[in-house]
Amino acid sequence: MVKRLAVALWLGAALSAPAAAFGTIDGLGQHTEHEEITRAALVRAGLDRETLDSLAGRKGTFGAVGAPDRPDRGLLGEAAAHCDGGDHLDIAGYPQDAATAARALEACKAWKLKALGDAVAAAGRIVPEGTRAIDDDQIPEYIGCVFDGSSGRAKCDVLEALGLAFHVGQDFYAHTNWSDAAAPDQGGPDNPPGLGHEGAAPWIDPVAGPGGAYPGGLISGCFEGIPESLHCTYGAGLDRVRHAVLNKDTGRIDRATGAAGPGETPRGAAHGNFERAVAAAIADTRNAFAHFEAETLRVYGPERGALILCAAKADDPDDCR
């Protein structure tokens, strides 16, 4: 009875949770968008099936990339984990200035860079310093990774940190106006301007590091709770740029090719914005994984680093010996 009650409470939280990101579940209007983006990005990255399932998620699971959307993970309200809260418009009386909005998105970038650094740091425990052998105790075998925020086996910690980095990188494109078409009908809190960029944003690319000039006009949506109609307002019922207005969270994606169908949110359905956001998110995820690989080789050297990467990608560490 206690277990059934716990499950019911968990499901209730999931059902009431906001669509705070590209979709994670298959239902409630979502189509496992985070999973499909991750799989499309890493289809040629050399990850074995069970490892990719653990990272990207599979039917009935969130996976590492979906962990920030788990109601029990504690990150649904963490704006930096989803690139929320960076709203600003140059209109009279707008309650958040440009500098404050930029700081919110700088925090999103810092979240991504820290997660990638954490992945590299955890990877070193797979092949301990001074050895040339994989530590089997650091590899999941019969019991899979949990991704609940607690540190455990090194490979699970690597996958969880990569999932956090991929998730926030993908949400950058779903929640900001970076890739939105700069169409002539845009303007104002209900339809803010888009920047119209193609592909991944250099500003949030880990190769560029923490520096780099903040992109002019870059914003994300305000999210402070549900229903969104009761939040993110100011003055005489005036709306801030809300997540509900700006997000491109849902639509169909082919996991093999990355091809995206029409978006299913108002912003995503307009001007091909969902398709553009998905393409940029796939490129960003691919770049982030390549950065993890390069940093692992740089930090641990070519021999140890290559063994670490092999064990991180393989389902069976014996395949790396």
C-alpha atoms as a PDB file:
ATOM      1  CA  MET A   1       0.000   0.000   0.000  1.00  0.00           C
ATOM      2  CA  VAL A   2       2.808   2.391   0.912  1.00  0.00           C
ATOM      3  CA  LYS A   3       4.618   1.639  -2.370  1.00  0.00           C
ATOM      4  CA  ARG A   4       1.427   2.183  -4.387  1.00  0.00           C
ATOM      5  CA  LEU A   5       0.834   5.513  -2.649  1.00  0.00           C
ATOM      6  CA  ALA A   6       4.396   6.611  -3.400  1.00  0.00           C
ATOM      7  CA  VAL A   7       3.954   5.727  -7.075  1.00  0.00           C
ATOM      8  CA  ALA A   8       0.647   7.597  -7.209  1.00  0.00           C
ATOM      9  CA  LEU A   9       2.196  10.694  -5.672  1.00  0.00           C
ATOM     10  CA  TRP A  10       5.122  10.530  -8.132  1.00  0.00           C
ATOM     11  CA  LEU A  11       2.773  10.204 -11.103  1.00  0.00           C
ATOM     12  CA  GLY A  12       0.681  13.083  -9.823  1.00  0.00           C
ATOM     13  CA  ALA A  13       3.757  15.275  -9.681  1.00  0.00           C
ATOM     14  CA  ALA A  14       4.747  14.220 -13.185  1.00  0.00           C
ATOM     15  CA  LEU A  15       1.331  14.956 -14.591  1.00  0.00           C
ATOM     16  CA  SER A  16       1.212  18.390 -12.985  1.00  0.00           C
ATOM     17  CA  ALA A  17       4.769  19.292 -13.929  1.00  0.00           C
ATOM     18  CA  PRO A  18       5.228  22.029 -16.545  1.00  0.00           C
ATOM     19  CA  ALA A  19       6.453  21.376 -20.068  1.00  0.00           C
ATOM     20  CA  ALA A  20       9.709  22.956 -18.916  1.00  0.00           C
ATOM     21  CA  ALA A  21      11.896  21.721 -21.738  1.00  0.00           C
ATOM     22  CA  PHE A  22      12.034  19.785 -24.968  1.00  0.00           C
ATOM     23  CA  GLY A  23       9.777  16.825 -24.167  1.00  0.00           C
ATOM     24  CA  THR A  24      11.082  13.950 -22.065  1.00  0.00           C
ATOM     25  CA  ILE A  25       8.148  11.560 -21.817  1.00  0.00           C
ATOM     26  CA  ASP A  26       6.044   9.969 -24.562  1.00  0.00           C
ATOM     27  CA  GLY A  27       2.644  11.422 -23.725  1.00  0.00           C
ATOM     28  CA  LEU A  28       0.902  14.557 -22.446  1.00  0.00           C
ATOM     29  CA  GLY A  29       1.784  16.244 -25.732  1.00  0.00           C
ATOM     30  CA  GLN A  30       5.469  15.292 -25.564  1.00  0.00           C
ATOM     31  CA  HIS A  31       7.311  12.920 -27.898  1.00  0.00           C
ATOM     32  CA  THR A  32      10.581  12.155 -26.034  1.00  0.00           C
ATOM     33  CA  GLU A  33      12.202  15.067 -27.856  1.00  0.00           C
ATOM     34  CA  HIS A  34      15.303  15.112 -25.616  1.00  0.00           C
ATOM     35  CA  GLU A  35      15.862  11.424 -26.275  1.00  0.00           C
ATOM     36  CA  GLU A  36      15.447  11.764 -30.038  1.00  0.00           C
ATOM     37  CA  ILE A  37      17.806  14.764 -30.222  1.00  0.00           C
ATOM     38  CA  THR A  38      20.435  12.946 -28.171  1.00  0.00           C
ATOM     39  CA  ARG A  39      20.200   9.786 -30.272  1.00  0.00           C
ATOM     40  CA  ALA A  40      20.353  11.726 -33.534  1.00  0.00           C
ATOM     41  CA  ALA A  41      23.405  13.634 -32.312  1.00  0.00           C
ATOM     42  CA  LEU A  42      25.300  10.554 -31.111  1.00  0.00           C
ATOM     43  CA  VAL A  43      24.263   8.003 -33.730  1.00  0.00           C
ATOM     44  CA  ARG A  44      27.870   7.789 -34.964  1.00  0.00           C
ATOM     45  CA  ALA A  45      29.640   8.487 -31.659  1.00  0.00           C
ATOM     46  CA  GLY A  46      30.402   4.833 -30.968  1.00  0.00           C
ATOM     47  CA  LEU A  47      28.209   4.293 -27.904  1.00  0.00           C
ATOM     48  CA  ASP A  48      26.953   0.735 -27.404  1.00  0.00           C
ATOM     49  CA  ARG A  49      23.206   0.182 -27.226  1.00  0.00           C
ATOM     50  CA  GLU A  50      22.705  -0.120 -23.459  1.00  0.00           C
ATOM     51  CA  THR A  51      25.014   2.805 -22.755  1.00  0.00           C
ATOM     52  CA  LEU A  52      23.164   4.994 -25.244  1.00  0.00           C
ATOM     53  CA  ASP A  53      19.848   3.860 -23.754  1.00  0.00           C
ATOM     54  CA  SER A  54      21.082   4.888 -20.327  1.00  0.00           C
ATOM     55  CA  LEU A  55      22.248   8.290 -21.538  1.00  0.00           C
ATOM     56  CA  ALA A  56      19.398   9.177 -23.891  1.00  0.00           C
ATOM     57  CA  GLY A  57      16.599   7.249 -22.180  1.00  0.00           C
ATOM     58  CA  ARG A  58      14.344   4.597 -23.623  1.00  0.00           C
ATOM     59  CA  LYS A  59      10.643   3.743 -23.317  1.00  0.00           C
ATOM     60  CA  GLY A  60       9.578   4.092 -19.696  1.00  0.00           C
ATOM     61  CA  THR A  61      12.769   5.809 -18.507  1.00  0.00           C
ATOM     62  CA  PHE A  62      14.046   9.376 -18.368  1.00  0.00           C
ATOM     63  CA  GLY A  63      17.704   8.545 -18.987  1.00  0.00           C
ATOM     64  CA  ALA A  64      20.510  10.888 -17.990  1.00  0.00           C
ATOM     65  CA  VAL A  65      19.452  13.574 -20.459  1.00  0.00           C
ATOM     66  CA  GLY A  66      15.898  13.556 -19.096  1.00  0.00           C
ATOM     67  CA  ALA A  67      16.888  13.586 -15.420  1.00  0.00           C
ATOM     68  CA  PRO A  68      16.392  17.375 -14.989  1.00  0.00           C
ATOM     69  CA  ASP A  69      12.700  16.843 -15.860  1.00  0.00           C
ATOM     70  CA  ARG A  70      12.184  14.088 -13.280  1.00  0.00           C
ATOM     71  CA  PRO A  71       9.845  15.402 -10.557  1.00  0.00           C
ATOM     72  CA  ASP A  72      11.957  13.669  -7.896  1.00  0.00           C
ATOM     73  CA  ARG A  73      15.281  15.068  -9.150  1.00  0.00           C
ATOM     74  CA  GLY A  74      14.654  18.558  -7.797  1.00  0.00           C
ATOM     75  CA  LEU A  75      15.669  20.465 -10.924  1.00  0.00           C
ATOM     76  CA  LEU A  76      12.302  21.345 -12.455  1.00  0.00           C
ATOM     77  CA  GLY A  77      12.402  24.766 -10.808  1.00  0.00           C
ATOM     78  CA  GLU A  78      16.130  25.366 -11.405  1.00  0.00           C
ATOM     79  CA  ALA A  79      16.105  28.072 -14.072  1.00  0.00           C
ATOM     80  CA  ALA A  80      19.764  27.579 -14.982  1.00  0.00           C
ATOM     81  CA  ALA A  81      19.159  23.893 -15.772  1.00  0.00           C
ATOM     82  CA  HIS A  82      16.594  24.843 -18.431  1.00  0.00           C
ATOM     83  CA  CYS A  83      17.777  28.294 -19.628  1.00  0.00           C
ATOM     84  CA  ASP A  84      14.653  29.982 -18.251  1.00  0.00           C
ATOM     85  CA  GLY A  85      14.264  33.469 -16.811  1.00  0.00           C
ATOM     86  CA  GLY A  86      16.300  35.450 -19.361  1.00  0.00           C
ATOM     87  CA  ASP A  87      13.397  37.634 -20.520  1.00  0.00           C
ATOM     88  CA  HIS A  88      13.764  41.281 -21.465  1.00  0.00           C
ATOM     89  CA  LEU A  89      12.323  43.694 -24.007  1.00  0.00           C
ATOM     90  CA  ASP A  90      13.255  47.302 -24.610  1.00  0.00           C
ATOM     91  CA  ILE A  91       9.801  48.620 -23.792  1.00  0.00           C
ATOM     92  CA  ALA A  92       8.738  51.128 -21.141  1.00  0.00           C
ATOM     93  CA  GLY A  93       8.254  49.642 -17.701  1.00  0.00           C
ATOM     94  CA  TYR A  94       9.518  46.161 -18.472  1.00  0.00           C
ATOM     95  CA  PRO A  95      10.309  44.739 -15.015  1.00  0.00           C
ATOM     96  CA  GLN A  96      13.585  42.971 -15.854  1.00  0.00           C
ATOM     97  CA  ASP A  97      16.502  44.876 -17.349  1.00  0.00           C
ATOM     98  CA  ALA A  98      18.838  43.536 -19.991  1.00  0.00           C
ATOM     99  CA  ALA A  99      21.714  42.921 -17.562  1.00  0.00           C
ATOM    100  CA  THR A 100      19.563  40.785 -15.249  1.00  0.00           C
ATOM    101  CA  ALA A 101      18.218  38.812 -18.208  1.00  0.00           C
ATOM    102  CA  ALA A 102      21.744  38.224 -19.481  1.00  0.00           C
ATOM    103  CA  ARG A 103      22.856  36.981 -16.061  1.00  0.00           C
ATOM    104  CA  ALA A 104      20.123  34.341 -16.156  1.00  0.00           C
ATOM    105  CA  LEU A 105      21.417  32.987 -19.450  1.00  0.00           C
ATOM    106  CA  GLU A 106      25.044  33.304 -18.331  1.00  0.00           C
ATOM    107  CA  ALA A 107      24.036  30.996 -15.452  1.00  0.00           C
ATOM    108  CA  CYS A 108      22.617  28.562 -18.010  1.00  0.00           C
ATOM    109  CA  LYS A 109      25.916  28.579 -19.899  1.00  0.00           C
ATOM    110  CA  ALA A 110      27.884  28.109 -16.671  1.00  0.00           C
ATOM    111  CA  TRP A 111      25.641  25.151 -15.754  1.00  0.00           C
ATOM    112  CA  LYS A 112      26.506  23.465 -19.041  1.00  0.00           C
ATOM    113  CA  LEU A 113      30.250  24.082 -18.754  1.00  0.00           C
ATOM    114  CA  LYS A 114      30.336  22.834 -15.154  1.00  0.00           C
ATOM    115  CA  ALA A 115      28.470  19.656 -16.089  1.00  0.00           C
ATOM    116  CA  LEU A 116      30.944  18.911 -18.871  1.00  0.00           C
ATOM    117  CA  GLY A 117      33.817  19.513 -16.481  1.00  0.00           C
ATOM    118  CA  ASP A 118      32.203  17.177 -13.950  1.00  0.00           C
ATOM    119  CA  ALA A 119      31.934  14.482 -16.639  1.00  0.00           C
ATOM    120  CA  VAL A 120      35.650  14.723 -17.389  1.00  0.00           C
ATOM    121  CA  ALA A 121      36.530  14.683 -13.685  1.00  0.00           C
ATOM    122  CA  ALA A 122      34.397  11.585 -13.012  1.00  0.00           C
ATOM    123  CA  ALA A 123      35.858   9.825 -16.044  1.00  0.00           C
ATOM    124  CA  GLY A 124      39.275   9.657 -14.380  1.00  0.00           C
ATOM    125  CA  ARG A 125      37.951   7.176 -11.816  1.00  0.00           C
ATOM    126  CA  ILE A 126      37.205   4.628 -14.557  1.00  0.00           C
ATOM    127  CA  VAL A 127      40.933   4.013 -15.011  1.00  0.00           C
ATOM    128  CA  PRO A 128      42.637   5.036 -11.744  1.00  0.00           C
ATOM    129  CA  GLU A 129      45.777   7.143 -11.934  1.00  0.00           C
ATOM    130  CA  GLY A 130      48.934   5.098 -12.113  1.00  0.00           C
ATOM    131  CA  THR A 131      47.201   2.063 -13.603  1.00  0.00           C
ATOM    132  CA  ARG A 132      46.491   0.791 -17.083  1.00  0.00           C
ATOM    133  CA  ALA A 133      43.336  -1.130 -16.166  1.00  0.00           C
ATOM    134  CA  ILE A 134      39.622  -0.387 -15.996  1.00  0.00           C
ATOM    135  CA  ASP A 135      38.228  -0.505 -12.450  1.00  0.00           C
ATOM    136  CA  ASP A 136      35.263  -2.849 -12.884  1.00  0.00           C
ATOM    137  CA  ASP A 137      33.691  -1.526  -9.673  1.00  0.00           C
ATOM    138  CA  GLN A 138      33.177   1.798 -11.471  1.00  0.00           C
ATOM    139  CA  ILE A 139      31.147   0.243 -14.307  1.00  0.00           C
ATOM    140  CA  PRO A 140      27.423  -0.608 -13.983  1.00  0.00           C
ATOM    141  CA  GLU A 141      26.755  -4.279 -14.619  1.00  0.00           C
ATOM    142  CA  TYR A 142      23.623  -5.889 -13.179  1.00  0.00           C
ATOM    143  CA  ILE A 143      22.181  -2.732 -11.624  1.00  0.00           C
ATOM    144  CA  GLY A 144      21.807   0.228 -13.961  1.00  0.00           C
ATOM    145  CA  CYS A 145      22.495   3.890 -13.318  1.00  0.00           C
ATOM    146  CA  VAL A 146      19.909   5.852 -11.322  1.00  0.00           C
ATOM    147  CA  PHE A 147      20.691   9.540 -12.140  1.00  0.00           C
ATOM    148  CA  ASP A 148      19.240  10.915  -8.910  1.00  0.00           C
ATOM    149  CA  GLY A 149      22.026  13.387  -8.194  1.00  0.00           C
ATOM    150  CA  SER A 150      23.987  11.166  -5.823  1.00  0.00           C
ATOM    151  CA  SER A 151      27.511  10.140  -6.768  1.00  0.00           C
ATOM    152  CA  GLY A 152      28.138   6.461  -7.351  1.00  0.00           C
ATOM    153  CA  ARG A 153      29.956   4.440  -9.970  1.00  0.00           C
ATOM    154  CA  ALA A 154      32.196   6.534 -12.166  1.00  0.00           C
ATOM    155  CA  LYS A 155      30.559   5.650 -15.481  1.00  0.00           C
ATOM    156  CA  CYS A 156      27.124   6.548 -14.073  1.00  0.00           C
ATOM    157  CA  ASP A 157      28.504   9.868 -12.853  1.00  0.00           C
ATOM    158  CA  VAL A 158      29.954  10.526 -16.307  1.00  0.00           C
ATOM    159  CA  LEU A 159      26.654   9.780 -18.017  1.00  0.00           C
ATOM    160  CA  GLU A 160      24.665  11.854 -15.528  1.00  0.00           C
ATOM    161  CA  ALA A 161      26.922  14.877 -15.972  1.00  0.00           C
ATOM    162  CA  LEU A 162      26.756  14.528 -19.758  1.00  0.00           C
ATOM    163  CA  GLY A 163      22.976  14.304 -19.505  1.00  0.00           C
ATOM    164  CA  LEU A 164      22.824  17.567 -17.545  1.00  0.00           C
ATOM    165  CA  ALA A 165      25.057  19.274 -20.112  1.00  0.00           C
ATOM    166  CA  PHE A 166      23.107  17.950 -23.088  1.00  0.00           C
ATOM    167  CA  HIS A 167      19.748  18.826 -21.530  1.00  0.00           C
ATOM    168  CA  VAL A 168      20.576  22.445 -20.816  1.00  0.00           C
ATOM    169  CA  GLY A 169      22.280  22.834 -24.192  1.00  0.00           C
ATOM    170  CA  GLN A 170      19.190  21.512 -25.962  1.00  0.00           C
ATOM    171  CA  ASP A 171      16.889  23.706 -23.869  1.00  0.00           C
ATOM    172  CA  PHE A 172      18.898  26.758 -24.886  1.00  0.00           C
ATOM    173  CA  TYR A 173      17.467  26.404 -28.385  1.00  0.00           C
ATOM    174  CA  ALA A 174      13.976  25.419 -27.252  1.00  0.00           C
ATOM    175  CA  HIS A 175      13.645  28.287 -24.783  1.00  0.00           C
ATOM    176  CA  THR A 176      15.555  31.193 -26.309  1.00  0.00           C
ATOM    177  CA  ASN A 177      15.081  33.183 -29.500  1.00  0.00           C
ATOM    178  CA  TRP A 178      18.526  32.232 -30.860  1.00  0.00           C
ATOM    179  CA  SER A 179      17.314  30.206 -33.845  1.00  0.00           C
ATOM    180  CA  ASP A 180      13.831  31.690 -34.233  1.00  0.00           C
ATOM    181  CA  ALA A 181      13.206  33.217 -37.630  1.00  0.00           C
ATOM    182  CA  ALA A 182      13.366  36.994 -37.485  1.00  0.00           C
ATOM    183  CA  ALA A 183       9.987  37.347 -39.151  1.00  0.00           C
ATOM    184  CA  PRO A 184       8.341  40.728 -39.786  1.00  0.00           C
ATOM    185  CA  ASP A 185       5.285  39.882 -37.675  1.00  0.00           C
ATOM    186  CA  GLN A 186       7.352  39.511 -34.484  1.00  0.00           C
ATOM    187  CA  GLY A 187       7.459  42.061 -31.701  1.00  0.00           C
ATOM    188  CA  GLY A 188       6.201  42.526 -28.162  1.00  0.00           C
ATOM    189  CA  PRO A 189       5.740  40.130 -25.209  1.00  0.00           C
ATOM    190  CA  ASP A 190       3.263  37.888 -27.032  1.00  0.00           C
ATOM    191  CA  ASN A 191       5.553  37.369 -30.040  1.00  0.00           C
ATOM    192  CA  PRO A 192       9.084  38.597 -29.272  1.00  0.00           C
ATOM    193  CA  PRO A 193      11.714  39.085 -31.969  1.00  0.00           C
ATOM    194  CA  GLY A 194      13.807  36.139 -33.115  1.00  0.00           C
ATOM    195  CA  LEU A 195      17.513  36.342 -33.918  1.00  0.00           C
ATOM    196  CA  GLY A 196      17.299  33.988 -36.899  1.00  0.00           C
ATOM    197  CA  HIS A 197      20.632  32.189 -36.410  1.00  0.00           C
ATOM    198  CA  GLU A 198      21.391  28.847 -38.035  1.00  0.00           C
ATOM    199  CA  GLY A 199      23.123  26.054 -36.157  1.00  0.00           C
ATOM    200  CA  ALA A 200      24.758  25.877 -32.748  1.00  0.00           C
ATOM    201  CA  ALA A 201      25.495  29.091 -30.880  1.00  0.00           C
ATOM    202  CA  PRO A 202      29.243  29.816 -30.605  1.00  0.00           C
ATOM    203  CA  TRP A 203      28.565  31.693 -27.358  1.00  0.00           C
ATOM    204  CA  ILE A 204      27.479  28.513 -25.553  1.00  0.00           C
ATOM    205  CA  ASP A 205      29.972  26.195 -27.277  1.00  0.00           C
ATOM    206  CA  PRO A 206      32.307  24.682 -24.637  1.00  0.00           C
ATOM    207  CA  VAL A 207      35.323  25.180 -26.918  1.00  0.00           C
ATOM    208  CA  ALA A 208      34.859  28.931 -26.478  1.00  0.00           C
ATOM    209  CA  GLY A 209      34.974  28.555 -22.677  1.00  0.00           C
ATOM    210  CA  PRO A 210      33.289  30.915 -20.207  1.00  0.00           C
ATOM    211  CA  GLY A 211      34.207  34.123 -22.056  1.00  0.00           C
ATOM    212  CA  GLY A 212      32.798  35.607 -25.220  1.00  0.00           C
ATOM    213  CA  ALA A 213      30.507  38.548 -25.824  1.00  0.00           C
ATOM    214  CA  TYR A 214      26.860  38.048 -24.899  1.00  0.00           C
ATOM    215  CA  PRO A 215      24.768  37.858 -28.104  1.00  0.00           C
ATOM    216  CA  GLY A 216      22.792  41.033 -28.605  1.00  0.00           C
ATOM    217  CA  GLY A 217      19.023  40.575 -28.301  1.00  0.00           C
ATOM    218  CA  LEU A 218      19.248  37.051 -26.876  1.00  0.00           C
ATOM    219  CA  ILE A 219      16.403  36.265 -24.461  1.00  0.00           C
ATOM    220  CA  SER A 220      14.552  33.297 -23.019  1.00  0.00           C
ATOM    221  CA  GLY A 221      11.101  33.075 -21.473  1.00  0.00           C
ATOM    222  CA  CYS A 222       9.993  33.826 -17.942  1.00  0.00           C
ATOM    223  CA  PHE A 223       8.860  30.764 -16.008  1.00  0.00           C
ATOM    224  CA  GLU A 224       7.791  31.085 -12.370  1.00  0.00           C
ATOM    225  CA  GLY A 225       5.123  28.418 -11.972  1.00  0.00           C
ATOM    226  CA  ILE A 226       1.932  26.956 -13.363  1.00  0.00           C
ATOM    227  CA  PRO A 227      -0.522  27.881 -14.652  1.00  0.00           C
ATOM    228  CA  GLU A 228       1.644  30.342 -16.518  1.00  0.00           C
ATOM    229  CA  SER A 229      -1.284  32.721 -16.955  1.00  0.00           C
ATOM    230  CA  LEU A 230      -0.977  33.587 -13.237  1.00  0.00           C
ATOM    231  CA  HIS A 231       2.734  34.337 -13.386  1.00  0.00           C
ATOM    232  CA  CYS A 232       5.173  36.582 -15.243  1.00  0.00           C
ATOM    233  CA  THR A 233       2.911  39.624 -15.405  1.00  0.00           C
ATOM    234  CA  TYR A 234       3.505  43.230 -14.426  1.00  0.00           C
ATOM    235  CA  GLY A 235       1.658  46.488 -14.240  1.00  0.00           C
ATOM    236  CA  ALA A 236      -1.970  46.491 -15.331  1.00  0.00           C
ATOM    237  CA  GLY A 237      -2.076  42.835 -16.344  1.00  0.00           C
ATOM    238  CA  LEU A 238       0.794  43.227 -18.808  1.00  0.00           C
ATOM    239  CA  ASP A 239       2.709  40.058 -19.635  1.00  0.00           C
ATOM    240  CA  ARG A 240       6.415  39.512 -19.548  1.00  0.00           C
ATOM    241  CA  VAL A 241       7.829  37.276 -22.312  1.00  0.00           C
ATOM    242  CA  ARG A 242       6.627  33.949 -20.951  1.00  0.00           C
ATOM    243  CA  HIS A 243       7.967  30.435 -21.497  1.00  0.00           C
ATOM    244  CA  ALA A 244       4.573  29.498 -22.931  1.00  0.00           C
ATOM    245  CA  VAL A 245       4.984  32.118 -25.658  1.00  0.00           C
ATOM    246  CA  LEU A 246       8.621  31.480 -26.601  1.00  0.00           C
ATOM    247  CA  ASN A 247       9.150  27.742 -26.200  1.00  0.00           C
ATOM    248  CA  LYS A 248       9.581  25.286 -29.072  1.00  0.00           C
ATOM    249  CA  ASP A 249       9.413  22.184 -26.877  1.00  0.00           C
ATOM    250  CA  THR A 250       7.306  19.697 -28.805  1.00  0.00           C
ATOM    251  CA  GLY A 251       7.172  18.087 -32.218  1.00  0.00           C
ATOM    252  CA  ARG A 252       8.170  14.868 -33.958  1.00  0.00           C
ATOM    253  CA  ILE A 253      11.862  14.067 -34.529  1.00  0.00           C
ATOM    254  CA  ASP A 254      13.409  11.193 -36.450  1.00  0.00           C
ATOM    255  CA  ARG A 255      16.045   9.731 -34.124  1.00  0.00           C
ATOM    256  CA  ALA A 256      18.073   8.276 -36.981  1.00  0.00           C
ATOM    257  CA  THR A 257      18.309  11.349 -39.198  1.00  0.00           C
ATOM    258  CA  GLY A 258      17.401  14.212 -36.872  1.00  0.00           C
ATOM    259  CA  ALA A 259      14.750  15.420 -39.309  1.00  0.00           C
ATOM    260  CA  ALA A 260      12.029  17.323 -37.490  1.00  0.00           C
ATOM    261  CA  GLY A 261       8.392  17.746 -38.382  1.00  0.00           C
ATOM    262  CA  PRO A 262       6.319  20.853 -37.717  1.00  0.00           C
ATOM    263  CA  GLY A 263       6.447  22.259 -34.210  1.00  0.00           C
ATOM    264  CA  GLU A 264       3.436  21.755 -31.973  1.00  0.00           C
ATOM    265  CA  THR A 265       3.693  24.907 -29.862  1.00  0.00           C
ATOM    266  CA  PRO A 266       2.616  28.280 -31.299  1.00  0.00           C
ATOM    267  CA  ARG A 267       6.203  29.539 -31.490  1.00  0.00           C
ATOM    268  CA  GLY A 268       7.523  26.237 -32.781  1.00  0.00           C
ATOM    269  CA  ALA A 269       4.887  26.004 -35.497  1.00  0.00           C
ATOM    270  CA  ALA A 270       5.730  29.460 -36.877  1.00  0.00           C
ATOM    271  CA  HIS A 271       8.404  30.047 -39.531  1.00  0.00           C
ATOM    272  CA  GLY A 272       9.986  26.595 -39.130  1.00  0.00           C
ATOM    273  CA  ASN A 273      11.200  27.524 -35.637  1.00  0.00           C
ATOM    274  CA  PHE A 274      10.927  24.011 -34.181  1.00  0.00           C
ATOM    275  CA  GLU A 275      12.891  22.493 -37.036  1.00  0.00           C
ATOM    276  CA  ARG A 276      15.605  25.152 -36.668  1.00  0.00           C
ATOM    277  CA  ALA A 277      15.810  24.655 -32.895  1.00  0.00           C
ATOM    278  CA  VAL A 278      16.114  20.878 -33.260  1.00  0.00           C
ATOM    279  CA  ALA A 279      18.879  21.140 -35.854  1.00  0.00           C
ATOM    280  CA  ALA A 280      20.814  23.535 -33.619  1.00  0.00           C
ATOM    281  CA  ALA A 281      20.278  21.338 -30.541  1.00  0.00           C
ATOM    282  CA  ILE A 282      21.591  18.268 -32.377  1.00  0.00           C
ATOM    283  CA  ALA A 283      24.699  20.167 -33.466  1.00  0.00           C
ATOM    284  CA  ASP A 284      25.202  21.521 -29.942  1.00  0.00           C
ATOM    285  CA  THR A 285      24.916  18.042 -28.382  1.00  0.00           C
ATOM    286  CA  ARG A 286      27.368  16.621 -30.885  1.00  0.00           C
ATOM    287  CA  ASN A 287      29.818  19.448 -30.151  1.00  0.00           C
ATOM    288  CA  ALA A 288      29.476  18.937 -26.394  1.00  0.00           C
ATOM    289  CA  PHE A 289      30.235  15.217 -26.657  1.00  0.00           C
ATOM    290  CA  ALA A 290      33.228  15.880 -28.896  1.00  0.00           C
ATOM    291  CA  HIS A 291      34.474  18.368 -26.292  1.00  0.00           C
ATOM    292  CA  PHE A 292      34.126  15.721 -23.562  1.00  0.00           C
ATOM    293  CA  GLU A 293      36.155  13.279 -25.646  1.00  0.00           C
ATOM    294  CA  ALA A 294      38.861  15.826 -26.426  1.00  0.00           C
ATOM    295  CA  GLU A 295      39.136  16.974 -22.809  1.00  0.00           C
ATOM    296  CA  THR A 296      39.350  13.399 -21.549  1.00  0.00           C
ATOM    297  CA  LEU A 297      42.292  12.751 -23.866  1.00  0.00           C
ATOM    298  CA  ARG A 298      43.928  16.062 -22.934  1.00  0.00           C
ATOM    299  CA  VAL A 299      43.565  15.615 -19.175  1.00  0.00           C
ATOM    300  CA  TYR A 300      44.440  11.925 -18.924  1.00  0.00           C
ATOM    301  CA  GLY A 301      46.753  11.506 -21.887  1.00  0.00           C
ATOM    302  CA  PRO A 302      46.268   9.513 -25.093  1.00  0.00           C
ATOM    303  CA  GLU A 303      46.682   6.007 -23.642  1.00  0.00           C
ATOM    304  CA  ARG A 304      44.739   6.317 -20.399  1.00  0.00           C
ATOM    305  CA  GLY A 305      42.228   8.688 -21.986  1.00  0.00           C
ATOM    306  CA  ALA A 306      41.484   6.304 -24.854  1.00  0.00           C
ATOM    307  CA  LEU A 307      40.884   3.448 -22.398  1.00  0.00           C
ATOM    308  CA  ILE A 308      38.580   5.649 -20.327  1.00  0.00           C
ATOM    309  CA  LEU A 309      36.574   6.648 -23.381  1.00  0.00           C
ATOM    310  CA  CYS A 310      36.298   3.068 -24.552  1.00  0.00           C
ATOM    311  CA  ALA A 311      34.924   1.978 -21.168  1.00  0.00           C
ATOM    312  CA  ALA A 312      32.580   4.951 -21.041  1.00  0.00           C
ATOM    313  CA  LYS A 313      31.066   3.992 -24.404  1.00  0.00           C
ATOM    314  CA  ALA A 314      31.104   0.190 -24.222  1.00  0.00           C
ATOM    315  CA  ASP A 315      28.434  -1.946 -22.589  1.00  0.00           C
ATOM    316  CA  ASP A 316      31.049  -4.553 -21.667  1.00  0.00           C
ATOM    317  CA  PRO A 317      34.439  -3.292 -20.426  1.00  0.00           C
ATOM    318  CA  ASP A 318      36.004  -6.541 -21.611  1.00  0.00           C
ATOM    319  CA  ASP A 319      35.623  -5.177 -25.135  1.00  0.00           C
ATOM    320  CA  CYS A 320      38.244  -2.554 -24.224  1.00  0.00           C
ATOM    321  CA  ARG A 321      40.877  -4.939 -22.890  1.00  0.00           C
END
